[in-house]
Amino acid sequence: MNRRKLTLLGLFLLCLLPIVGAAAPRLALLN
């Protein structure tokens, strides 16, 4: 993998973390 793809992947994961963090408690409450 080249560096540019790695950087884009890192930014994508950073954007995803808050969404996952917000969704996880709700999923835990549903179970």
Protein backbone atom coordinates (compact mmCIF):
# COMPACT_ATOMS: atom_id res chain seq x y z
CA MET A 1 0.00 0.00 0.00
CA ASN A 2 1.22 3.47 -0.76
CA ARG A 3 1.36 6.24 1.79
CA ARG A 4 -1.56 8.22 0.34
CA LYS A 5 -3.98 5.31 0.67
CA LEU A 6 -2.79 4.69 4.20
CA THR A 7 -3.41 8.34 5.12
CA LEU A 8 -6.90 8.28 3.60
CA LEU A 9 -7.67 5.07 5.48
CA GLY A 10 -6.49 6.65 8.73
CA LEU A 11 -8.69 9.72 8.20
CA PHE A 12 -11.63 7.46 7.35
CA LEU A 13 -11.17 5.50 10.58
CA LEU A 14 -10.90 8.73 12.58
CA CYS A 15 -14.20 9.90 11.13
CA LEU A 16 -15.77 6.51 11.90
CA LEU A 17 -14.69 6.32 15.56
CA PRO A 18 -17.19 8.88 16.94
CA ILE A 19 -20.02 7.18 15.05
CA VAL A 20 -19.06 3.77 16.43
CA GLY A 21 -18.63 5.26 19.90
CA ALA A 22 -22.12 6.76 19.75
CA ALA A 23 -23.72 3.60 18.36
CA ALA A 24 -22.08 1.08 20.70
CA PRO A 25 -23.97 2.06 23.91
CA ARG A 26 -27.29 1.95 22.05
CA LEU A 27 -26.52 -1.51 20.69
CA ALA A 28 -25.51 -2.64 24.17
CA LEU A 29 -28.81 -1.37 25.57
CA LEU A 30 -30.78 -3.24 22.90
CA ASN A 31 -29.18 -6.59 23.68
